[in-house]
């Protein structure tokens, strides 16, 4: 993909992607599930060619899309279903799958029948 990744202490955001520089910055010292999720999220921005704008609704859509794509890469669908059927809540499922809750939520949204009908 050709993206340089830099780990930076005290980065105000968990991760940032600069499309014109093909560079991502990731906050150093996050828990492994959060770091893994942020890396996948920023990689999704890179793959999708996202460029930050001054239009909040465009940015919000890019963030949801990047989260959903990260979920598709990180989450094993069958394992997620097994955990749901075992009665685990969203927090526990995210922990077992090793992903941040925001990634799990976006993946669940992407996997929902309502979204598939609208697509």
Foldseek 3Di string as FASTA:
>chain_A
DPAAEAEDEPDVDQKDAAQVRSYMYGHPDDPQLARLQRVQLNVLCNVVVDDDDPDVVVVVVSSLSSLLRSLVVQADVVLLVVCVVVPDDLVVSSVVSSHDSSSVVSVCVCPDPVNVVVD
